[in-house]
Amino acid sequence: MKSQGSSSDKNCKVSFRKKLLIIDSDLGVEDVERLKFLCIGLVPNKKLEKSSSASDVFEHLLAEDLLSEGDSFFLAELLYIIGQKKLLQYLNYTEEKVEQLLPIQGKVSLFRNLLYELSQGIDSEDLKNMIFLLNDSLPKTEMTSLSFLALLEKQDKIDEDNLTCLEDLCKMVVPKLLRNIEKYKREKAAQIVTPPVDKEAESLYQGEEELVSQTDIKTFLEALPWAPTYRMNRNHRGLCVIVNNHSFISLRDRRGTHKDAEILKGVFQWLGFTVHTYNDVTKGEMEEVLQKEKCNPAHADGDCFVFCILTHGEDGAVYSSDEALIPIREIMSHFTALQCPGLAEKPKLFFIQACQGEKIQLSKSIEADALNPEQAPTSLQDSIPVEADFLLGLATVPGYVSFRHVEEGSWYIQSLCNHLKVLVPREEDILSILTAVNDDVSRRVDKQGTKKQMPQPAFTLRKKLVFPVPLDALSL
């Protein structure tokens, strides 16, 4: 029996090494460089320098007890960071499982993660400029962004407590990367405020009264001017769906809605989204759109999801072009974590310009574009799924009208897009932007000065949502 067990163990090891070899075959030269960089500080530098393949790196991880058949999470963490998520299957992990375990089992330090993030944001021209600025102190060898940052670290120009050199370089060459550095500082400060307590230290404090409780620390952290932000550095920003209904069976045509659709498409493409526009959508077509978009494989590598609806509506619901009333909650429920796993723990934004039609008398250039004020309004929160990471931006408070100019578009959508263009480059979060939109729209009146409007957002976001500043922010 003993010899059989030993043979079985050997077979398991061979099987595990086969999986590592498969992973090695799918990794290129750049991937190997990334693996080596992320292992700095965990594997001796001399061993890393001699590694020319992923299998060499794996061998060192095995030798350092950082990898075994029973615990392959560190390798899963590395593959996740370098974007080779499809290879996680060979280690019996999923992307979602890795994200769940990272805060608990992650071994790559905040500092190492920061440098890697920065390297991904430094293109060849940026690197050339940075090398030029430090020319006197650098060897005359060809470098990548990773080897450049590793050299700065080796020369003691940067470390986890000293980022001055890096900040100066980014300020001169790639200002947008300063956000990553500020985020690192905040996360590092949070680690210092709530350091881990080992068992020996814990025993020294037994019987003593706590000067500051964990609850007090949590309250203090929540009161700080910064907060965690949603991740915005995946392969692409995400999908933006626009449903634009202009013509109906008996309801009035929504003149000017093309202006809203155009500006939404332009702004969200500028923000990095892939935009899908659907015009005059019937109830059956809406169901097809929802099924198609919730199953879109692009969600897995996206940061965010946006769904915009431009149509007539009533309290808590919107009309299809064939005048079927569809509850807003029903639309949003297609994108919960259960229905759409690719969007789990990612922000999902819904902006709705919903109109009622002719029930309110307005001037020639202004039309009603909202809910029936004679109906008892329901709570906007009732339209949102009982789940985190949703935001619903409605053009008006439930029960009241919103306005659309027949030539210029709706007050709400035009204001939303204009404020995104102005405030995203200032790194404002989405809730601050929507607050500015509320203020702007609430100040507008029709030609007679008698009709006003107040938008209302409802949300279950857990973090701040800050869109990265587009490269051509100043040219839009």
Protein backbone atom coordinates (compact mmCIF):
# COMPACT_ATOMS: atom_id res chain seq x y z
CA MET A 1 0.00 0.00 0.00
CA LYS A 2 2.81 2.39 0.83
CA SER A 3 4.45 1.95 -2.55
CA GLN A 4 1.09 2.55 -4.29
CA GLY A 5 0.61 5.79 -2.34
CA SER A 6 4.12 6.91 -3.24
CA SER A 7 3.44 6.15 -6.91
CA SER A 8 0.19 8.08 -6.73
CA ASP A 9 1.99 11.08 -5.23
CA LYS A 10 4.53 11.02 -8.04
CA ASN A 11 1.77 10.88 -10.64
CA CYS A 12 0.06 13.87 -9.02
CA LYS A 13 3.31 15.84 -9.10
CA VAL A 14 3.86 14.96 -12.74
CA SER A 15 0.29 16.00 -13.51
CA PHE A 16 0.79 19.33 -11.72
CA ARG A 17 4.04 19.97 -13.57
CA LYS A 18 2.27 19.20 -16.84
CA LYS A 19 -0.20 21.96 -16.03
CA LEU A 20 2.68 24.34 -15.29
CA LEU A 21 4.24 23.39 -18.61
CA ILE A 22 0.97 24.16 -20.43
CA ILE A 23 0.85 27.56 -18.72
CA ASP A 24 4.51 28.13 -19.69
CA SER A 25 3.74 27.39 -23.36
CA ASP A 26 1.01 30.06 -23.41
CA LEU A 27 3.22 32.81 -21.95
CA GLY A 28 5.40 35.02 -24.11
CA VAL A 29 8.62 36.93 -23.49
CA GLU A 30 6.78 39.98 -22.13
CA ASP A 31 4.78 37.78 -19.76
CA VAL A 32 7.98 36.25 -18.39
CA GLU A 33 9.40 39.71 -17.76
CA ARG A 34 6.22 40.66 -15.92
CA LEU A 35 6.32 37.53 -13.77
CA LYS A 36 9.94 38.17 -12.84
CA PHE A 37 9.18 41.78 -11.95
CA LEU A 38 6.24 40.85 -9.71
CA CYS A 39 8.41 38.28 -7.90
CA ILE A 40 11.07 40.83 -6.90
CA GLY A 41 11.39 40.77 -3.13
CA LEU A 42 9.92 37.27 -2.90
CA VAL A 43 12.47 35.38 -5.00
CA PRO A 44 16.23 36.19 -4.85
CA ASN A 45 17.21 38.64 -7.60
CA LYS A 46 20.07 36.46 -8.85
CA LYS A 47 17.64 33.60 -9.52
CA LEU A 48 15.23 35.92 -11.31
CA GLU A 49 17.98 37.40 -13.47
CA LYS A 50 18.94 33.93 -14.70
CA SER A 51 15.34 32.99 -15.52
CA SER A 52 14.64 32.99 -19.26
CA SER A 53 11.26 31.24 -19.29
CA ALA A 54 8.12 31.00 -17.23
CA SER A 55 9.06 27.44 -16.23
CA ASP A 56 12.31 28.82 -14.75
CA VAL A 57 10.24 31.20 -12.64
CA PHE A 58 7.89 28.38 -11.60
CA GLU A 59 10.90 26.31 -10.52
CA HIS A 60 12.05 29.12 -8.24
CA LEU A 61 8.56 29.53 -6.81
CA LEU A 62 8.48 25.82 -6.00
CA ALA A 63 11.91 26.05 -4.36
CA GLU A 64 10.86 29.06 -2.26
CA ASP A 65 7.64 27.31 -1.13
CA LEU A 66 5.61 29.96 -2.92
CA LEU A 67 4.02 27.35 -5.18
CA SER A 68 2.83 23.80 -4.66
CA GLU A 69 0.09 21.55 -5.92
CA GLY A 70 -1.78 22.11 -2.68
CA ASP A 71 -1.39 25.89 -2.80
CA SER A 72 -1.08 27.48 -6.21
CA PHE A 73 -2.73 30.78 -5.32
CA PHE A 74 0.40 32.92 -5.68
CA LEU A 75 0.80 31.81 -9.29
CA ALA A 76 -2.91 32.45 -9.80
CA GLU A 77 -2.38 35.94 -8.38
CA LEU A 78 0.50 36.57 -10.81
CA LEU A 79 -1.49 35.35 -13.82
CA TYR A 80 -4.42 37.51 -12.76
CA ILE A 81 -2.27 40.64 -12.46
CA ILE A 82 -0.60 40.19 -15.86
CA GLY A 83 -3.98 39.65 -17.51
CA GLN A 84 -3.60 35.93 -18.33
CA LYS A 85 -6.91 35.05 -16.71
CA LYS A 86 -7.78 32.24 -19.12
CA LEU A 87 -4.86 30.26 -17.71
CA LEU A 88 -6.38 30.29 -14.21
CA GLN A 89 -8.43 27.22 -15.17
CA TYR A 90 -5.28 25.06 -15.06
CA LEU A 91 -4.91 25.97 -11.38
CA ASN A 92 -8.61 25.39 -10.66
CA TYR A 93 -9.29 29.09 -10.10
CA THR A 94 -11.70 31.54 -11.66
CA GLU A 95 -11.20 35.28 -12.04
CA GLU A 96 -13.96 35.90 -9.47
CA LYS A 97 -12.38 33.50 -6.95
CA VAL A 98 -8.99 35.18 -7.27
CA GLU A 99 -10.55 38.63 -6.76
CA GLN A 100 -12.30 37.31 -3.66
CA LEU A 101 -9.09 35.87 -2.15
CA LEU A 102 -6.66 38.64 -3.11
CA PRO A 103 -7.31 40.84 -0.02
CA ILE A 104 -6.66 37.81 2.22
CA GLN A 105 -3.98 35.75 0.46
CA GLY A 106 -2.34 38.19 -1.94
CA LYS A 107 1.47 38.22 -1.73
CA VAL A 108 2.35 40.94 -4.25
CA SER A 109 2.89 44.13 -2.25
CA LEU A 110 1.04 47.40 -2.80
CA PHE A 111 4.32 48.95 -3.96
CA ARG A 112 5.01 46.17 -6.48
CA ASN A 113 1.45 46.43 -7.76
CA LEU A 114 1.83 50.19 -8.13
CA LEU A 115 5.01 49.88 -10.18
CA TYR A 116 3.40 47.27 -12.41
CA GLU A 117 0.32 49.49 -12.96
CA LEU A 118 2.58 52.41 -13.81
CA SER A 119 4.56 50.30 -16.28
CA GLN A 120 1.35 49.50 -18.15
CA GLY A 121 0.62 53.21 -18.49
CA ILE A 122 4.08 54.17 -19.81
CA ASP A 123 4.28 53.79 -23.58
CA SER A 124 7.49 53.79 -25.63
CA GLU A 125 7.44 57.56 -26.14
CA ASP A 126 6.84 58.20 -22.42
CA LEU A 127 9.70 55.85 -21.55
CA LYS A 128 12.01 57.63 -23.96
CA ASN A 129 11.19 60.97 -22.33
CA MET A 130 11.69 59.62 -18.81
CA ILE A 131 15.06 58.14 -19.73
CA PHE A 132 16.03 61.48 -21.27
CA LEU A 133 15.22 63.28 -18.00
CA LEU A 134 17.44 60.87 -16.02
CA ASN A 135 20.00 60.30 -18.74
CA ASP A 136 23.14 61.00 -16.69
CA SER A 137 22.35 58.36 -14.08
CA LEU A 138 21.19 55.52 -16.35
CA PRO A 139 23.25 52.94 -18.25
CA LYS A 140 23.15 53.13 -22.06
CA THR A 141 21.13 49.96 -22.55
CA GLU A 142 17.76 49.26 -24.10
CA MET A 143 15.02 49.24 -21.50
CA THR A 144 11.34 48.43 -21.13
CA SER A 145 9.08 50.30 -18.74
CA LEU A 146 9.42 47.43 -16.26
CA SER A 147 13.21 47.25 -16.42
CA PHE A 148 13.33 51.04 -16.13
CA LEU A 149 11.28 51.01 -12.91
CA ALA A 150 13.27 48.04 -11.58
CA LEU A 151 16.48 50.00 -12.20
CA LEU A 152 15.16 53.05 -10.34
CA GLU A 153 14.40 50.76 -7.43
CA LYS A 154 17.83 49.10 -7.63
CA GLN A 155 19.52 52.52 -7.62
CA ASP A 156 17.49 53.46 -4.52
CA LYS A 157 15.84 56.32 -6.37
CA ILE A 158 12.44 54.95 -5.33
CA ASP A 159 11.08 52.69 -2.62
CA GLU A 160 7.73 52.11 -0.94
CA ASP A 161 8.19 55.22 1.23
CA ASN A 162 9.91 57.45 -1.29
CA LEU A 163 8.16 58.14 -4.59
CA THR A 164 9.39 61.70 -5.17
CA CYS A 165 11.48 60.81 -8.23
CA LEU A 166 8.59 58.84 -9.73
CA GLU A 167 6.10 61.63 -9.03
CA ASP A 168 8.36 64.19 -10.69
CA LEU A 169 8.74 62.00 -13.78
CA CYS A 170 5.01 61.34 -14.04
CA LYS A 171 4.20 65.01 -13.51
CA MET A 172 6.45 65.94 -16.42
CA VAL A 173 5.65 63.08 -18.80
CA VAL A 174 2.43 61.21 -17.89
CA PRO A 175 0.36 63.31 -15.42
CA LYS A 176 -2.56 60.87 -15.49
CA LEU A 177 -0.40 58.29 -13.63
CA LEU A 178 -0.26 60.54 -10.57
CA ARG A 179 -3.71 59.15 -9.75
CA ASN A 180 -2.21 55.68 -9.32
CA ILE A 181 0.43 57.05 -6.96
CA GLU A 182 -2.15 58.92 -4.87
CA LYS A 183 -4.28 55.77 -4.68
CA TYR A 184 -1.24 53.80 -3.50
CA LYS A 185 -0.55 56.35 -0.76
CA ARG A 186 -4.13 56.15 0.48
CA GLU A 187 -4.12 52.35 0.56
CA LYS A 188 -0.74 52.29 2.28
CA ALA A 189 -1.99 54.79 4.88
CA ALA A 190 -4.99 52.54 5.52
CA GLN A 191 -2.65 49.60 6.12
CA ILE A 192 -0.70 51.65 8.66
CA VAL A 193 -3.86 52.71 10.52
CA THR A 194 -5.04 49.12 10.86
CA PRO A 195 -1.86 46.99 11.01
CA PRO A 196 -2.13 43.23 11.47
CA VAL A 197 -1.57 42.04 15.05
CA ASP A 198 0.40 38.83 15.53
CA LYS A 199 -0.49 36.38 18.31
CA GLU A 200 2.48 37.34 20.48
CA ALA A 201 1.70 41.03 20.35
CA GLU A 202 -1.98 40.32 20.91
CA SER A 203 -1.22 38.52 24.18
CA LEU A 204 0.64 41.60 25.51
CA TYR A 205 -2.55 43.66 25.26
CA GLN A 206 -4.92 41.19 26.89
CA GLY A 207 -6.56 42.63 29.96
CA GLU A 208 -5.75 46.20 28.93
CA GLU A 209 -8.48 48.65 27.93
CA GLU A 210 -8.53 49.59 24.25
CA LEU A 211 -7.72 53.24 23.72
CA VAL A 212 -9.18 53.13 20.19
CA SER A 213 -11.62 50.38 19.22
CA GLN A 214 -11.83 48.79 15.77
CA THR A 215 -15.21 50.50 15.40
CA ASP A 216 -13.58 53.87 16.08
CA ILE A 217 -10.92 53.15 13.46
CA LYS A 218 -13.57 52.18 10.91
CA THR A 219 -15.51 55.37 11.63
CA PHE A 220 -12.32 57.42 11.32
CA LEU A 221 -11.42 55.86 7.98
CA GLU A 222 -14.91 56.43 6.62
CA ALA A 223 -14.69 60.09 7.62
CA LEU A 224 -11.49 60.68 5.68
CA PRO A 225 -11.79 62.70 2.46
CA TRP A 226 -10.74 59.70 0.34
CA ALA A 227 -12.45 56.39 -0.19
CA PRO A 228 -11.85 53.16 -2.11
CA THR A 229 -12.45 53.47 -5.84
CA TYR A 230 -13.66 50.97 -8.40
CA ARG A 231 -10.94 49.39 -10.50
CA MET A 232 -10.61 51.13 -13.87
CA ASN A 233 -7.54 49.54 -15.47
CA ARG A 234 -8.78 46.36 -17.15
CA ASN A 235 -8.35 45.66 -20.87
CA HIS A 236 -11.17 48.00 -21.82
CA ARG A 237 -13.55 50.40 -20.13
CA GLY A 238 -16.69 48.44 -20.93
CA LEU A 239 -19.91 48.51 -22.95
CA CYS A 240 -22.37 51.39 -23.24
CA VAL A 241 -25.83 50.50 -24.57
CA ILE A 242 -28.13 53.26 -25.88
CA VAL A 243 -31.81 52.54 -26.53
CA ASN A 244 -33.18 55.53 -28.46
CA ASN A 245 -36.93 55.53 -29.14
CA HIS A 246 -38.17 58.32 -31.41
CA SER A 247 -41.34 56.95 -33.04
CA PHE A 248 -44.33 55.24 -31.42
CA ILE A 249 -47.77 53.92 -32.44
CA SER A 250 -49.94 56.62 -30.86
CA LEU A 251 -47.65 58.53 -28.53
CA ARG A 252 -46.03 61.69 -29.81
CA ASP A 253 -42.67 61.42 -31.63
CA ARG A 254 -39.75 62.39 -29.43
CA ARG A 255 -38.23 65.15 -31.55
CA GLY A 256 -34.67 66.08 -30.57
CA THR A 257 -33.86 62.64 -29.13
CA HIS A 258 -31.22 62.12 -31.85
CA LYS A 259 -29.23 64.94 -30.22
CA ASP A 260 -29.19 63.02 -26.94
CA ALA A 261 -28.17 59.77 -28.65
CA GLU A 262 -25.36 61.51 -30.53
CA ILE A 263 -23.87 63.26 -27.50
CA LEU A 264 -24.13 60.11 -25.34
CA LYS A 265 -22.32 58.07 -28.00
CA GLY A 266 -19.60 60.70 -28.40
CA VAL A 267 -18.95 61.17 -24.68
CA PHE A 268 -18.92 57.48 -23.73
CA GLN A 269 -16.68 56.59 -26.67
CA TRP A 270 -14.39 59.38 -25.46
CA LEU A 271 -14.40 57.72 -22.02
CA GLY A 272 -13.24 54.48 -23.63
CA PHE A 273 -16.54 52.57 -23.91
CA THR A 274 -17.66 50.47 -26.84
CA VAL A 275 -21.10 51.91 -27.71
CA HIS A 276 -24.04 49.90 -29.07
CA THR A 277 -27.03 52.00 -30.20
CA TYR A 278 -30.52 50.58 -30.83
CA ASN A 279 -33.24 52.76 -32.39
CA ASP A 280 -37.04 52.46 -32.02
CA VAL A 281 -36.94 49.25 -29.99
CA THR A 282 -40.14 47.20 -29.56
CA LYS A 283 -40.84 45.12 -26.44
CA GLY A 284 -39.71 41.94 -28.19
CA GLU A 285 -36.58 43.64 -29.49
CA MET A 286 -35.85 45.03 -26.03
CA GLU A 287 -35.84 41.50 -24.63
CA GLU A 288 -33.43 40.47 -27.39
CA VAL A 289 -31.18 43.45 -26.62
CA LEU A 290 -31.16 42.63 -22.90
CA GLN A 291 -30.35 38.96 -23.52
CA LYS A 292 -27.61 39.83 -26.02
CA GLU A 293 -25.97 42.48 -23.86
CA LYS A 294 -26.08 40.56 -20.58
CA CYS A 295 -24.36 37.58 -22.25
CA ASN A 296 -21.72 39.68 -23.99
CA PRO A 297 -18.29 38.08 -23.24
CA ALA A 298 -16.67 41.55 -23.28
CA HIS A 299 -17.99 42.16 -19.75
CA ALA A 300 -15.28 39.88 -18.32
CA ASP A 301 -12.46 42.26 -19.30
CA GLY A 302 -14.40 45.51 -18.83
CA ASP A 303 -14.35 47.92 -15.90
CA CYS A 304 -17.91 49.16 -16.03
CA PHE A 305 -21.29 48.96 -17.79
CA VAL A 306 -23.58 51.77 -18.93
CA PHE A 307 -27.18 51.49 -20.16
CA CYS A 308 -29.00 54.60 -21.45
CA ILE A 309 -32.70 54.70 -22.32
CA LEU A 310 -34.29 57.59 -24.22
CA THR A 311 -38.04 57.11 -24.48
CA HIS A 312 -41.51 57.93 -23.09
CA GLY A 313 -42.31 56.63 -19.63
CA GLU A 314 -44.47 56.46 -16.55
CA ASP A 315 -43.70 56.12 -12.89
CA GLY A 316 -40.98 53.47 -12.52
CA ALA A 317 -41.31 52.20 -16.09
CA VAL A 318 -40.46 53.04 -19.71
CA TYR A 319 -42.28 52.55 -23.02
CA SER A 320 -41.03 50.44 -25.91
CA SER A 321 -41.64 51.82 -29.39
CA ASP A 322 -44.74 49.60 -29.68
CA GLU A 323 -45.94 51.19 -26.41
CA ALA A 324 -45.50 48.27 -24.04
CA LEU A 325 -44.67 49.47 -20.52
CA ILE A 326 -41.49 47.88 -19.15
CA PRO A 327 -40.53 48.29 -15.44
CA ILE A 328 -37.08 49.85 -14.95
CA ARG A 329 -36.32 47.26 -12.29
CA GLU A 330 -36.97 44.46 -14.78
CA ILE A 331 -34.44 45.96 -17.20
CA MET A 332 -31.78 46.40 -14.52
CA SER A 333 -32.32 42.90 -13.08
CA HIS A 334 -30.75 41.38 -16.21
CA PHE A 335 -27.35 42.68 -15.07
CA THR A 336 -27.13 41.42 -11.50
CA ALA A 337 -24.15 39.25 -10.56
CA LEU A 338 -26.32 36.14 -10.81
CA GLN A 339 -27.66 36.97 -14.28
CA CYS A 340 -24.42 38.51 -15.60
CA PRO A 341 -21.36 37.13 -13.72
CA GLY A 342 -18.97 39.17 -15.88
CA LEU A 343 -20.27 42.34 -14.20
CA ALA A 344 -20.05 41.06 -10.61
CA GLU A 345 -18.58 43.70 -8.27
CA LYS A 346 -18.33 46.16 -11.18
CA PRO A 347 -20.30 49.42 -11.37
CA LYS A 348 -23.45 49.30 -13.51
CA LEU A 349 -24.85 52.71 -14.48
CA PHE A 350 -28.32 53.29 -15.90
CA PHE A 351 -29.34 56.72 -17.22
CA ILE A 352 -32.97 57.15 -18.17
CA GLN A 353 -34.55 60.04 -20.01
CA ALA A 354 -38.16 58.90 -19.73
CA CYS A 355 -41.07 60.93 -21.11
CA GLN A 356 -44.84 61.05 -20.70
CA GLY A 357 -45.92 63.02 -23.74
CA GLU A 358 -48.67 65.62 -24.09
CA LYS A 359 -50.35 65.74 -20.70
CA ILE A 360 -48.64 68.97 -19.70
CA GLN A 361 -48.99 72.10 -21.84
CA LEU A 362 -45.59 73.52 -22.77
CA SER A 363 -44.09 76.02 -25.20
CA LYS A 364 -43.42 75.04 -28.83
CA SER A 365 -39.74 74.33 -28.31
CA ILE A 366 -40.18 72.37 -25.07
CA GLU A 367 -41.98 69.03 -24.68
CA ALA A 368 -42.77 66.87 -21.66
CA ASP A 369 -40.33 64.01 -21.37
CA ALA A 370 -41.15 62.32 -18.08
CA LEU A 371 -43.63 60.78 -15.68
CA ASN A 372 -47.31 61.55 -15.12
CA PRO A 373 -47.49 64.09 -12.27
CA GLU A 374 -51.04 63.03 -11.45
CA GLN A 375 -49.94 59.54 -10.43
CA ALA A 376 -48.69 58.84 -6.93
CA PRO A 377 -44.89 58.63 -7.20
CA THR A 378 -43.06 55.52 -6.07
CA SER A 379 -39.65 55.49 -4.45
CA LEU A 380 -36.85 55.57 -7.02
CA GLN A 381 -34.90 53.15 -4.82
CA ASP A 382 -37.62 50.57 -5.55
CA SER A 383 -36.44 50.46 -9.17
CA ILE A 384 -32.94 49.32 -8.25
CA PRO A 385 -32.15 45.62 -7.69
CA VAL A 386 -31.38 44.77 -4.07
CA GLU A 387 -27.70 44.31 -4.86
CA ALA A 388 -24.51 46.36 -4.70
CA ASP A 389 -22.83 48.32 -7.49
CA PHE A 390 -25.87 49.79 -9.26
CA LEU A 391 -26.62 53.42 -10.06
CA LEU A 392 -29.84 54.71 -11.59
CA GLY A 393 -29.86 58.25 -12.89
CA LEU A 394 -33.40 59.39 -13.70
CA ALA A 395 -34.12 62.65 -15.50
CA THR A 396 -36.66 63.71 -12.88
CA VAL A 397 -38.03 63.01 -9.44
CA PRO A 398 -40.68 60.23 -9.70
CA GLY A 399 -44.12 61.66 -10.41
CA TYR A 400 -42.94 64.76 -12.25
CA VAL A 401 -42.10 65.86 -15.76
CA SER A 402 -38.73 66.27 -17.42
CA PHE A 403 -38.10 68.41 -20.49
CA ARG A 404 -36.68 67.87 -23.95
CA HIS A 405 -35.91 70.61 -26.46
CA VAL A 406 -37.06 69.50 -29.92
CA GLU A 407 -33.86 70.76 -31.55
CA GLU A 408 -31.22 70.68 -28.82
CA GLY A 409 -32.12 67.52 -26.87
CA SER A 410 -33.18 66.97 -23.26
CA TRP A 411 -32.06 69.15 -20.38
CA TYR A 412 -30.89 66.13 -18.37
CA ILE A 413 -28.88 64.19 -21.00
CA GLN A 414 -27.26 67.32 -22.41
CA SER A 415 -26.28 68.46 -18.91
CA LEU A 416 -25.02 64.98 -17.96
CA CYS A 417 -22.77 64.75 -21.03
CA ASN A 418 -21.47 68.30 -20.72
CA HIS A 419 -20.59 67.79 -17.05
CA LEU A 420 -18.84 64.49 -17.84
CA LYS A 421 -16.70 66.33 -20.41
CA VAL A 422 -15.80 69.05 -17.91
CA LEU A 423 -15.49 67.15 -14.62
CA VAL A 424 -13.93 63.80 -15.65
CA PRO A 425 -10.64 65.61 -16.52
CA ARG A 426 -10.80 67.09 -13.00
CA GLU A 427 -11.04 63.53 -11.62
CA GLU A 428 -14.44 64.07 -10.00
CA ASP A 429 -16.36 60.92 -9.06
CA ILE A 430 -19.70 60.09 -10.69
CA LEU A 431 -21.84 61.11 -7.69
CA SER A 432 -20.16 64.53 -7.55
CA ILE A 433 -20.80 64.88 -11.28
CA LEU A 434 -24.48 63.96 -10.87
CA THR A 435 -24.78 66.49 -8.04
CA ALA A 436 -23.51 69.17 -10.42
CA VAL A 437 -26.02 67.96 -13.03
CA ASN A 438 -28.82 68.28 -10.45
CA ASP A 439 -27.78 71.84 -9.71
CA ASP A 440 -27.56 72.75 -13.40
CA VAL A 441 -30.90 71.24 -14.44
CA SER A 442 -32.73 72.60 -11.38
CA ARG A 443 -31.74 76.16 -12.41
CA ARG A 444 -33.22 75.83 -15.89
CA VAL A 445 -36.71 77.05 -16.75
CA ASP A 446 -38.84 77.08 -19.89
CA LYS A 447 -39.41 80.24 -21.93
CA GLN A 448 -42.30 81.30 -19.71
CA GLY A 449 -40.20 80.76 -16.58
CA THR A 450 -42.84 78.48 -15.05
CA LYS A 451 -41.61 74.94 -15.67
CA LYS A 452 -38.66 73.45 -13.76
CA GLN A 453 -37.09 70.05 -13.29
CA MET A 454 -35.03 68.16 -10.69
CA PRO A 455 -33.17 64.94 -11.64
CA GLN A 456 -32.66 62.24 -9.03
CA PRO A 457 -30.04 59.49 -8.74
CA ALA A 458 -30.40 56.36 -6.61
CA PHE A 459 -27.50 54.01 -6.06
CA THR A 460 -26.02 51.03 -4.23
CA LEU A 461 -22.41 51.78 -5.19
CA ARG A 462 -19.86 50.60 -2.61
CA LYS A 463 -16.93 52.68 -3.80
CA LYS A 464 -16.16 55.89 -5.59
CA LEU A 465 -16.43 55.68 -9.36
CA VAL A 466 -13.82 57.86 -11.06
CA PHE A 467 -13.41 57.54 -14.82
CA PRO A 468 -9.77 57.72 -15.99
CA VAL A 469 -9.00 60.97 -17.78
CA PRO A 470 -9.01 60.36 -21.56
CA LEU A 471 -5.75 61.15 -23.35
CA ASP A 472 -7.46 63.73 -25.53
CA ALA A 473 -9.35 65.32 -22.66
CA LEU A 474 -8.45 68.82 -23.71
CA SER A 475 -9.45 68.36 -27.32
CA LEU A 476 -13.03 67.19 -26.86
